[in-house]
Amino acid sequence: MQAFLKKSLYKLSYNHSYVIISFNTKKGDIMTAQDKELEQLHDTIISDVNSLVDKYMSIVGWDVPENNEDEAKDKILAIIKDAIKKIEEES
């Protein structure tokens, strides 16, 4: 189960103004203490990622008068996804 969770620990998608992180578990899997802790942290992690996107959207908005918000969101999310990918590769 740990390998399954490691590979599918996050799934980032941008839906309107929220980043959604979902955990994938197989039916019948037994939740460990670590799984339960991560489940409790789920909403906090989502909030933190949303705050991170909002932070950089604000910075880009201040610094770039002709800012295209949709394009900026896509690029910020691509940077975050790239960072997550690099972290996964280090593990």
Protein backbone atom coordinates (compact mmCIF):
# COMPACT_ATOMS: atom_id res chain seq x y z
CA MET A 1 0.00 0.00 0.00
CA GLN A 2 2.83 2.42 0.75
CA ALA A 3 4.14 2.18 -2.81
CA PHE A 4 0.63 2.80 -4.11
CA LEU A 5 0.21 5.88 -1.92
CA LYS A 6 3.66 7.18 -2.80
CA LYS A 7 2.89 7.00 -6.51
CA SER A 8 -0.56 8.50 -6.18
CA LEU A 9 -0.22 10.69 -3.10
CA TYR A 10 -1.23 13.77 -4.99
CA LYS A 11 -3.26 14.65 -7.96
CA LEU A 12 -3.24 18.36 -8.65
CA SER A 13 -5.92 19.96 -10.73
CA TYR A 14 -7.12 23.52 -10.88
CA ASN A 15 -10.88 23.83 -10.67
CA HIS A 16 -12.09 27.41 -10.75
CA SER A 17 -10.28 29.00 -7.81
CA TYR A 18 -9.35 25.91 -5.83
CA VAL A 19 -6.52 23.43 -6.11
CA ILE A 20 -7.77 19.92 -5.44
CA ILE A 21 -5.49 17.28 -3.98
CA SER A 22 -6.98 13.84 -3.81
CA PHE A 23 -5.73 10.65 -2.23
CA ASN A 24 -6.24 7.46 -4.19
CA THR A 25 -6.82 4.33 -2.16
CA LYS A 26 -8.00 0.93 -3.27
CA LYS A 27 -11.22 -0.45 -1.85
CA GLY A 28 -10.49 -2.84 0.99
CA ASP A 29 -7.13 -1.28 1.92
CA ILE A 30 -6.59 -0.96 5.65
CA MET A 31 -5.76 2.57 6.79
CA THR A 32 -2.60 2.86 8.82
CA ALA A 33 -1.95 5.51 11.46
CA GLN A 34 0.02 7.43 8.84
CA ASP A 35 -2.93 7.26 6.40
CA LYS A 36 -5.28 8.56 9.10
CA GLU A 37 -2.91 11.43 9.92
CA LEU A 38 -2.62 12.38 6.25
CA GLU A 39 -6.39 12.22 5.91
CA GLN A 40 -6.71 14.65 8.83
CA LEU A 41 -4.14 16.95 7.21
CA HIS A 42 -5.84 16.76 3.82
CA ASP A 43 -7.84 20.01 4.12
CA THR A 44 -4.86 21.86 5.59
CA ILE A 45 -2.65 20.77 2.70
CA ILE A 46 -5.29 21.91 0.21
CA SER A 47 -5.54 25.26 1.98
CA ASP A 48 -1.75 25.65 1.99
CA VAL A 49 -1.49 24.92 -1.74
CA ASN A 50 -4.34 27.34 -2.50
CA SER A 51 -2.58 29.99 -0.42
CA LEU A 52 0.65 29.36 -2.30
CA VAL A 53 -1.09 29.82 -5.67
CA ASP A 54 -2.89 32.93 -4.42
CA LYS A 55 0.38 34.36 -3.09
CA TYR A 56 2.13 34.09 -6.45
CA MET A 57 -0.96 35.24 -8.37
CA SER A 58 -0.91 38.41 -6.26
CA ILE A 59 2.80 38.97 -6.84
CA VAL A 60 2.43 38.53 -10.60
CA GLY A 61 -0.63 40.81 -10.58
CA TRP A 62 1.29 43.56 -8.80
CA ASP A 63 4.40 43.28 -10.95
CA VAL A 64 2.78 42.79 -14.37
CA PRO A 65 0.13 45.38 -15.28
CA GLU A 66 -1.03 43.43 -18.38
CA ASN A 67 -1.27 40.18 -16.39
CA ASN A 68 -3.30 37.37 -17.97
CA GLU A 69 -4.67 35.61 -14.89
CA ASP A 70 -5.52 32.31 -16.61
CA GLU A 71 -2.07 32.07 -18.14
CA ALA A 72 -0.42 33.03 -14.85
CA LYS A 73 -2.37 30.31 -12.97
CA ASP A 74 -1.35 27.70 -15.53
CA LYS A 75 2.31 28.67 -15.28
CA ILE A 76 2.31 28.82 -11.48
CA LEU A 77 0.69 25.38 -11.30
CA ALA A 78 3.23 24.03 -13.79
CA ILE A 79 6.04 25.28 -11.53
CA ILE A 80 4.43 23.66 -8.48
CA LYS A 81 3.92 20.37 -10.36
CA ASP A 82 7.56 20.46 -11.50
CA ALA A 83 8.69 21.02 -7.91
CA ILE A 84 6.59 18.08 -6.70
CA LYS A 85 7.99 15.89 -9.46
CA LYS A 86 11.56 16.77 -8.43
CA ILE A 87 10.78 16.01 -4.78
CA GLU A 88 9.34 12.63 -5.80
CA GLU A 89 12.47 11.82 -7.81
CA GLU A 90 14.66 12.56 -4.77
CA SER A 91 12.77 10.01 -2.67
